[in-house]
């Protein structure tokens, strides 16, 4: 019985909630990403995309030597 009341209250809450609280910017983003300006698609989002790309590449390039060295150390331990 309690579950029924809860589900009815939940339905009432969502059905009376305000709709379209944010504007749809899909068309603007499509124009931005489809523009032919010789910028890679992963950098077309602006400064935030550029920062995210640089952080990702830094972590990747920093992680590769760490992973390689740990694999090399494990192999050396097996040989001993």
PDB file of N, CA and C in Angstrom:
ATOM      1  N   UNK A   1       0.820  -1.186   0.000  1.00  0.00           N
ATOM      2  CA  UNK A   1       0.000   0.000   0.000  1.00  0.00           C
ATOM      3  C   UNK A   1       0.867   1.255   0.000  1.00  0.00           C
ATOM      4  N   UNK A   2       1.929   1.203   0.813  1.00  0.00           N
ATOM      5  CA  UNK A   2       2.824   2.351   0.888  1.00  0.00           C
ATOM      6  C   UNK A   2       3.512   2.597  -0.452  1.00  0.00           C
ATOM      7  N   UNK A   3       3.883   1.494  -1.122  1.00  0.00           N
ATOM      8  CA  UNK A   3       4.547   1.620  -2.421  1.00  0.00           C
ATOM      9  C   UNK A   3       3.616   2.254  -3.447  1.00  0.00           C
ATOM     10  N   UNK A   4       2.318   1.937  -3.380  1.00  0.00           N
ATOM     11  CA  UNK A   4       1.351   2.519  -4.303  1.00  0.00           C
ATOM     12  C   UNK A   4       1.234   4.023  -4.084  1.00  0.00           C
ATOM     13  N   UNK A   5       1.166   4.453  -2.814  1.00  0.00           N
ATOM     14  CA  UNK A   5       1.093   5.885  -2.519  1.00  0.00           C
ATOM     15  C   UNK A   5       2.347   6.605  -2.988  1.00  0.00           C
ATOM     16  N   UNK A   6       3.478   5.974  -2.752  1.00  0.00           N
ATOM     17  CA  UNK A   6       4.744   6.581  -3.166  1.00  0.00           C
ATOM     18  C   UNK A   6       4.796   6.727  -4.684  1.00  0.00           C
ATOM     19  N   UNK A   7       4.401   5.691  -5.422  1.00  0.00           N
ATOM     20  CA  UNK A   7       4.448   5.762  -6.879  1.00  0.00           C
ATOM     21  C   UNK A   7       3.459   6.803  -7.407  1.00  0.00           C
ATOM     22  N   UNK A   8       2.305   6.932  -6.777  1.00  0.00           N
ATOM     23  CA  UNK A   8       1.342   7.955  -7.206  1.00  0.00           C
ATOM     24  C   UNK A   8       1.892   9.356  -6.944  1.00  0.00           C
ATOM     25  N   UNK A   9       2.544   9.533  -5.801  1.00  0.00           N
ATOM     26  CA  UNK A   9       3.118  10.840  -5.488  1.00  0.00           C
ATOM     27  C   UNK A   9       4.248  11.167  -6.456  1.00  0.00           C
ATOM     28  N   UNK A  10       5.025  10.161  -6.805  1.00  0.00           N
ATOM     29  CA  UNK A  10       6.118  10.367  -7.738  1.00  0.00           C
ATOM     30  C   UNK A  10       5.595  10.744  -9.119  1.00  0.00           C
ATOM     31  N   UNK A  11       4.570  10.065  -9.573  1.00  0.00           N
ATOM     32  CA  UNK A  11       3.968  10.384 -10.868  1.00  0.00           C
ATOM     33  C   UNK A  11       3.399  11.797 -10.846  1.00  0.00           C
ATOM     34  N   UNK A  12       2.727  12.166  -9.770  1.00  0.00           N
ATOM     35  CA  UNK A  12       2.152  13.508  -9.651  1.00  0.00           C
ATOM     36  C   UNK A  12       3.255  14.562  -9.674  1.00  0.00           C
ATOM     37  N   UNK A  13       4.372  14.299  -8.992  1.00  0.00           N
ATOM     38  CA  UNK A  13       5.478  15.245  -8.952  1.00  0.00           C
ATOM     39  C   UNK A  13       6.050  15.469 -10.340  1.00  0.00           C
ATOM     40  N   UNK A  14       6.290  14.388 -11.079  1.00  0.00           N
ATOM     41  CA  UNK A  14       6.894  14.539 -12.393  1.00  0.00           C
ATOM     42  C   UNK A  14       5.910  15.057 -13.434  1.00  0.00           C
ATOM     43  N   UNK A  15       4.643  14.765 -13.290  1.00  0.00           N
ATOM     44  CA  UNK A  15       3.689  15.245 -14.294  1.00  0.00           C
ATOM     45  C   UNK A  15       3.397  16.725 -14.131  1.00  0.00           C
ATOM     46  N   UNK A  16       3.575  17.280 -12.926  1.00  0.00           N
ATOM     47  CA  UNK A  16       3.310  18.700 -12.723  1.00  0.00           C
ATOM     48  C   UNK A  16       4.586  19.528 -12.720  1.00  0.00           C
ATOM     49  N   UNK A  17       5.738  18.876 -12.909  1.00  0.00           N
ATOM     50  CA  UNK A  17       7.004  19.599 -12.910  1.00  0.00           C
ATOM     51  C   UNK A  17       7.097  20.481 -14.152  1.00  0.00           C
ATOM     52  N   UNK A  18       7.861  21.541 -14.037  1.00  0.00           N
ATOM     53  CA  UNK A  18       8.024  22.461 -15.148  1.00  0.00           C
ATOM     54  C   UNK A  18       8.792  21.790 -16.275  1.00  0.00           C
ATOM     55  N   UNK A  19       8.328  21.951 -17.480  1.00  0.00           N
ATOM     56  CA  UNK A  19       8.965  21.331 -18.634  1.00  0.00           C
ATOM     57  C   UNK A  19       9.852  22.351 -19.345  1.00  0.00           C
ATOM     58  N   UNK A  20      10.794  21.829 -20.114  1.00  0.00           N
ATOM     59  CA  UNK A  20      11.698  22.651 -20.926  1.00  0.00           C
ATOM     60  C   UNK A  20      12.411  23.706 -20.088  1.00  0.00           C
ATOM     61  N   UNK A  21      13.115  23.248 -19.072  1.00  0.00           N
ATOM     62  CA  UNK A  21      13.850  24.177 -18.227  1.00  0.00           C
ATOM     63  C   UNK A  21      15.170  24.588 -18.863  1.00  0.00           C
ATOM     64  N   UNK A  22      15.561  23.952 -19.951  1.00  0.00           N
ATOM     65  CA  UNK A  22      16.775  24.318 -20.661  1.00  0.00           C
ATOM     66  C   UNK A  22      16.458  24.377 -22.148  1.00  0.00           C
ATOM     67  N   UNK A  23      17.203  25.178 -22.871  1.00  0.00           N
ATOM     68  CA  UNK A  23      16.933  25.292 -24.297  1.00  0.00           C
ATOM     69  C   UNK A  23      17.724  24.250 -25.077  1.00  0.00           C
ATOM     70  N   UNK A  24      17.157  23.827 -26.163  1.00  0.00           N
ATOM     71  CA  UNK A  24      17.767  22.812 -27.007  1.00  0.00           C
ATOM     72  C   UNK A  24      18.763  23.488 -27.950  1.00  0.00           C
ATOM     73  N   UNK A  25      20.046  23.127 -27.828  1.00  0.00           N
ATOM     74  CA  UNK A  25      21.081  23.756 -28.638  1.00  0.00           C
ATOM     75  C   UNK A  25      21.725  22.767 -29.602  1.00  0.00           C
ATOM     76  N   UNK A  26      20.983  21.769 -30.015  1.00  0.00           N
ATOM     77  CA  UNK A  26      21.526  20.749 -30.911  1.00  0.00           C
ATOM     78  C   UNK A  26      21.893  21.357 -32.263  1.00  0.00           C
ATOM     79  N   UNK A  27      21.020  22.209 -32.804  1.00  0.00           N
ATOM     80  CA  UNK A  27      21.285  22.821 -34.112  1.00  0.00           C
ATOM     81  C   UNK A  27      22.572  23.651 -34.087  1.00  0.00           C
ATOM     82  N   UNK A  28      22.775  24.417 -33.013  1.00  0.00           N
ATOM     83  CA  UNK A  28      23.984  25.232 -32.894  1.00  0.00           C
ATOM     84  C   UNK A  28      25.234  24.347 -32.862  1.00  0.00           C
ATOM     85  N   UNK A  29      25.164  23.272 -32.088  1.00  0.00           N
ATOM     86  CA  UNK A  29      26.310  22.365 -31.990  1.00  0.00           C
ATOM     87  C   UNK A  29      26.574  21.652 -33.314  1.00  0.00           C
ATOM     88  N   UNK A  30      25.513  21.301 -34.045  1.00  0.00           N
ATOM     89  CA  UNK A  30      25.703  20.667 -35.344  1.00  0.00           C
ATOM     90  C   UNK A  30      26.436  21.603 -36.295  1.00  0.00           C
ATOM     91  N   UNK A  31      26.034  22.871 -36.310  1.00  0.00           N
ATOM     92  CA  UNK A  31      26.706  23.836 -37.178  1.00  0.00           C
ATOM     93  C   UNK A  31      28.169  23.987 -36.785  1.00  0.00           C
ATOM     94  N   UNK A  32      28.440  24.029 -35.497  1.00  0.00           N
ATOM     95  CA  UNK A  32      29.806  24.181 -35.015  1.00  0.00           C
ATOM     96  C   UNK A  32      30.680  23.005 -35.427  1.00  0.00           C
ATOM     97  N   UNK A  33      30.187  21.797 -35.246  1.00  0.00           N
ATOM     98  CA  UNK A  33      31.003  20.614 -35.505  1.00  0.00           C
ATOM     99  C   UNK A  33      31.083  20.261 -36.984  1.00  0.00           C
ATOM    100  N   UNK A  34      30.124  20.699 -37.790  1.00  0.00           N
ATOM    101  CA  UNK A  34      30.157  20.399 -39.212  1.00  0.00           C
ATOM    102  C   UNK A  34      30.888  21.463 -40.014  1.00  0.00           C
ATOM    103  N   UNK A  35      31.285  22.542 -39.386  1.00  0.00           N
ATOM    104  CA  UNK A  35      31.998  23.625 -40.057  1.00  0.00           C
ATOM    105  C   UNK A  35      33.368  23.129 -40.519  1.00  0.00           C
ATOM    106  N   UNK A  36      33.730  23.448 -41.747  1.00  0.00           N
ATOM    107  CA  UNK A  36      35.006  23.006 -42.314  1.00  0.00           C
ATOM    108  C   UNK A  36      36.051  24.091 -42.077  1.00  0.00           C
ATOM    109  N   UNK A  37      36.763  24.014 -40.946  1.00  0.00           N
ATOM    110  CA  UNK A  37      37.765  25.032 -40.617  1.00  0.00           C
ATOM    111  C   UNK A  37      39.110  24.422 -40.243  1.00  0.00           C
ATOM    112  N   UNK A  38      39.375  23.210 -40.675  1.00  0.00           N
ATOM    113  CA  UNK A  38      40.649  22.515 -40.457  1.00  0.00           C
ATOM    114  C   UNK A  38      41.025  22.367 -38.983  1.00  0.00           C
ATOM    115  N   UNK A  39      40.054  22.346 -38.105  1.00  0.00           N
ATOM    116  CA  UNK A  39      40.287  22.084 -36.686  1.00  0.00           C
ATOM    117  C   UNK A  39      39.794  20.668 -36.410  1.00  0.00           C
ATOM    118  N   UNK A  40      40.580  19.834 -35.735  1.00  0.00           N
ATOM    119  CA  UNK A  40      40.127  18.475 -35.435  1.00  0.00           C
ATOM    120  C   UNK A  40      38.830  18.500 -34.616  1.00  0.00           C
ATOM    121  N   UNK A  41      38.008  17.499 -34.814  1.00  0.00           N
ATOM    122  CA  UNK A  41      36.693  17.478 -34.177  1.00  0.00           C
ATOM    123  C   UNK A  41      36.803  17.444 -32.656  1.00  0.00           C
ATOM    124  N   UNK A  42      37.882  16.869 -32.125  1.00  0.00           N
ATOM    125  CA  UNK A  42      38.023  16.792 -30.679  1.00  0.00           C
ATOM    126  C   UNK A  42      38.457  18.115 -30.067  1.00  0.00           C
ATOM    127  N   UNK A  43      38.736  19.131 -30.884  1.00  0.00           N
ATOM    128  CA  UNK A  43      39.090  20.451 -30.366  1.00  0.00           C
ATOM    129  C   UNK A  43      38.071  21.526 -30.736  1.00  0.00           C
ATOM    130  N   UNK A  44      37.001  21.160 -31.427  1.00  0.00           N
ATOM    131  CA  UNK A  44      36.025  22.147 -31.864  1.00  0.00           C
ATOM    132  C   UNK A  44      35.137  22.654 -30.748  1.00  0.00           C
ATOM    133  N   UNK A  45      35.152  22.012 -29.600  1.00  0.00           N
ATOM    134  CA  UNK A  45      34.298  22.430 -28.496  1.00  0.00           C
ATOM    135  C   UNK A  45      34.825  23.631 -27.739  1.00  0.00           C
ATOM    136  N   UNK A  46      36.033  24.076 -28.049  1.00  0.00           N
ATOM    137  CA  UNK A  46      36.570  25.264 -27.398  1.00  0.00           C
ATOM    138  C   UNK A  46      37.663  24.952 -26.397  1.00  0.00           C
ATOM    139  N   UNK A  47      37.825  25.860 -25.461  1.00  0.00           N
ATOM    140  CA  UNK A  47      38.921  25.774 -24.495  1.00  0.00           C
ATOM    141  C   UNK A  47      38.801  24.540 -23.602  1.00  0.00           C
ATOM    142  N   UNK A  48      37.591  24.208 -23.168  1.00  0.00           N
ATOM    143  CA  UNK A  48      37.419  23.034 -22.297  1.00  0.00           C
ATOM    144  C   UNK A  48      37.830  21.744 -23.006  1.00  0.00           C
ATOM    145  N   UNK A  49      37.494  21.619 -24.281  1.00  0.00           N
ATOM    146  CA  UNK A  49      37.908  20.434 -25.030  1.00  0.00           C
ATOM    147  C   UNK A  49      39.420  20.385 -25.181  1.00  0.00           C
ATOM    148  N   UNK A  50      40.025  21.543 -25.392  1.00  0.00           N
ATOM    149  CA  UNK A  50      41.474  21.595 -25.525  1.00  0.00           C
ATOM    150  C   UNK A  50      42.157  21.162 -24.228  1.00  0.00           C
ATOM    151  N   UNK A  51      41.655  21.646 -23.099  1.00  0.00           N
ATOM    152  CA  UNK A  51      42.225  21.270 -21.792  1.00  0.00           C
ATOM    153  C   UNK A  51      42.038  19.776 -21.546  1.00  0.00           C
ATOM    154  N   UNK A  52      40.850  19.272 -21.828  1.00  0.00           N
ATOM    155  CA  UNK A  52      40.590  17.841 -21.640  1.00  0.00           C
ATOM    156  C   UNK A  52      41.495  16.992 -22.526  1.00  0.00           C
ATOM    157  N   UNK A  53      41.701  17.418 -23.760  1.00  0.00           N
ATOM    158  CA  UNK A  53      42.582  16.694 -24.674  1.00  0.00           C
ATOM    159  C   UNK A  53      44.016  16.687 -24.148  1.00  0.00           C
ATOM    160  N   UNK A  54      44.506  17.839 -23.701  1.00  0.00           N
ATOM    161  CA  UNK A  54      45.883  17.914 -23.201  1.00  0.00           C
ATOM    162  C   UNK A  54      46.083  17.068 -21.946  1.00  0.00           C
ATOM    163  N   UNK A  55      45.115  17.087 -21.041  1.00  0.00           N
ATOM    164  CA  UNK A  55      45.215  16.272 -19.824  1.00  0.00           C
ATOM    165  C   UNK A  55      45.214  14.790 -20.179  1.00  0.00           C
ATOM    166  N   UNK A  56      44.339  14.404 -21.095  1.00  0.00           N
ATOM    167  CA  UNK A  56      44.274  12.999 -21.506  1.00  0.00           C
ATOM    168  C   UNK A  56      45.575  12.543 -22.144  1.00  0.00           C
ATOM    169  N   UNK A  57      46.122  13.359 -23.030  1.00  0.00           N
ATOM    170  CA  UNK A  57      47.376  12.983 -23.686  1.00  0.00           C
ATOM    171  C   UNK A  57      48.530  12.942 -22.697  1.00  0.00           C
ATOM    172  N   UNK A  58      48.553  13.880 -21.741  1.00  0.00           N
ATOM    173  CA  UNK A  58      49.619  13.892 -20.736  1.00  0.00           C
ATOM    174  C   UNK A  58      49.560  12.642 -19.868  1.00  0.00           C
ATOM    175  N   UNK A  59      48.366  12.291 -19.420  1.00  0.00           N
ATOM    176  CA  UNK A  59      48.226  11.080 -18.604  1.00  0.00           C
ATOM    177  C   UNK A  59      48.587   9.824 -19.395  1.00  0.00           C
ATOM    178  N   UNK A  60      48.210   9.798 -20.661  1.00  0.00           N
ATOM    179  CA  UNK A  60      48.529   8.637 -21.490  1.00  0.00           C
ATOM    180  C   UNK A  60      50.025   8.506 -21.701  1.00  0.00           C
ATOM    181  N   UNK A  61      50.643   9.605 -22.075  1.00  0.00           N
ATOM    182  CA  UNK A  61      52.085   9.554 -22.329  1.00  0.00           C
ATOM    183  C   UNK A  61      52.878   9.349 -21.038  1.00  0.00           C
ATOM    184  N   UNK A  62      52.357   9.791 -19.920  1.00  0.00           N
ATOM    185  CA  UNK A  62      53.017   9.541 -18.642  1.00  0.00           C
ATOM    186  C   UNK A  62      52.776   8.129 -18.142  1.00  0.00           C
ATOM    187  N   UNK A  63      51.637   7.565 -18.478  1.00  0.00           N
ATOM    188  CA  UNK A  63      51.291   6.228 -18.010  1.00  0.00           C
ATOM    189  C   UNK A  63      51.970   5.118 -18.783  1.00  0.00           C
ATOM    190  N   UNK A  64      52.268   5.364 -20.046  1.00  0.00           N
ATOM    191  CA  UNK A  64      52.912   4.322 -20.850  1.00  0.00           C
ATOM    192  C   UNK A  64      54.273   3.909 -20.295  1.00  0.00           C
ATOM    193  N   UNK A  65      55.164   4.844 -19.969  1.00  0.00           N
ATOM    194  CA  UNK A  65      56.457   4.414 -19.400  1.00  0.00           C
ATOM    195  C   UNK A  65      56.304   3.709 -18.055  1.00  0.00           C
ATOM    196  N   UNK A  66      55.353   4.138 -17.251  1.00  0.00           N
ATOM    197  CA  UNK A  66      55.134   3.491 -15.957  1.00  0.00           C
ATOM    198  C   UNK A  66      54.671   2.052 -16.168  1.00  0.00           C
ATOM    199  N   UNK A  67      53.747   1.849 -17.083  1.00  0.00           N
ATOM    200  CA  UNK A  67      53.253   0.500 -17.357  1.00  0.00           C
ATOM    201  C   UNK A  67      54.363  -0.373 -17.936  1.00  0.00           C
ATOM    202  N   UNK A  68      55.138   0.186 -18.866  1.00  0.00           N
ATOM    203  CA  UNK A  68      56.232  -0.586 -19.458  1.00  0.00           C
ATOM    204  C   UNK A  68      57.277  -0.976 -18.415  1.00  0.00           C
ATOM    205  N   UNK A  69      57.625  -0.039 -17.541  1.00  0.00           N
ATOM    206  CA  UNK A  69      58.641  -0.352 -16.534  1.00  0.00           C
ATOM    207  C   UNK A  69      58.138  -1.399 -15.547  1.00  0.00           C
ATOM    208  N   UNK A  70      56.860  -1.329 -15.180  1.00  0.00           N
ATOM    209  CA  UNK A  70      56.345  -2.336 -14.248  1.00  0.00           C
ATOM    210  C   UNK A  70      56.309  -3.709 -14.905  1.00  0.00           C
ATOM    211  N   UNK A  71      55.977  -3.772 -16.189  1.00  0.00           N
ATOM    212  CA  UNK A  71      56.004  -5.058 -16.893  1.00  0.00           C
ATOM    213  C   UNK A  71      57.423  -5.585 -17.001  1.00  0.00           C
ATOM    214  N   UNK A  72      58.366  -4.697 -17.258  1.00  0.00           N
ATOM    215  CA  UNK A  72      59.769  -5.096 -17.368  1.00  0.00           C
ATOM    216  C   UNK A  72      60.297  -5.612 -16.026  1.00  0.00           C
ATOM    217  N   UNK A  73      59.932  -4.949 -14.930  1.00  0.00           N
ATOM    218  CA  UNK A  73      60.365  -5.400 -13.607  1.00  0.00           C
ATOM    219  C   UNK A  73      59.766  -6.749 -13.253  1.00  0.00           C
ATOM    220  N   UNK A  74      58.503  -6.971 -13.615  1.00  0.00           N
ATOM    221  CA  UNK A  74      57.879  -8.267 -13.352  1.00  0.00           C
ATOM    222  C   UNK A  74      58.590  -9.371 -14.133  1.00  0.00           C
ATOM    223  N   UNK A  75      58.946  -9.062 -15.363  1.00  0.00           N
ATOM    224  CA  UNK A  75      59.649 -10.078 -16.168  1.00  0.00           C
ATOM    225  C   UNK A  75      61.022 -10.390 -15.596  1.00  0.00           C
ATOM    226  N   UNK A  76      61.730  -9.380 -15.112  1.00  0.00           N
ATOM    227  CA  UNK A  76      63.052  -9.602 -14.513  1.00  0.00           C
ATOM    228  C   UNK A  76      62.941 -10.450 -13.252  1.00  0.00           C
ATOM    229  N   UNK A  77      61.876 -10.230 -12.464  1.00  0.00           N
ATOM    230  CA  UNK A  77      61.693 -11.029 -11.254  1.00  0.00           C
ATOM    231  C   UNK A  77      61.412 -12.484 -11.594  1.00  0.00           C
ATOM    232  N   UNK A  78      60.697 -12.739 -12.686  1.00  0.00           N
ATOM    233  CA  UNK A  78      60.400 -14.110 -13.091  1.00  0.00           C
ATOM    234  C   UNK A  78      61.673 -14.826 -13.542  1.00  0.00           C
ATOM    235  N   UNK A  79      62.573 -14.097 -14.173  1.00  0.00           N
ATOM    236  CA  UNK A  79      63.798 -14.708 -14.665  1.00  0.00           C
ATOM    237  C   UNK A  79      64.756 -15.058 -13.531  1.00  0.00           C
ATOM    238  N   UNK A  80      64.659 -14.342 -12.404  1.00  0.00           N
ATOM    239  CA  UNK A  80      65.553 -14.617 -11.282  1.00  0.00           C
ATOM    240  C   UNK A  80      65.135 -15.797 -10.518  1.00  0.00           C
TER     241      UNK A  80
END
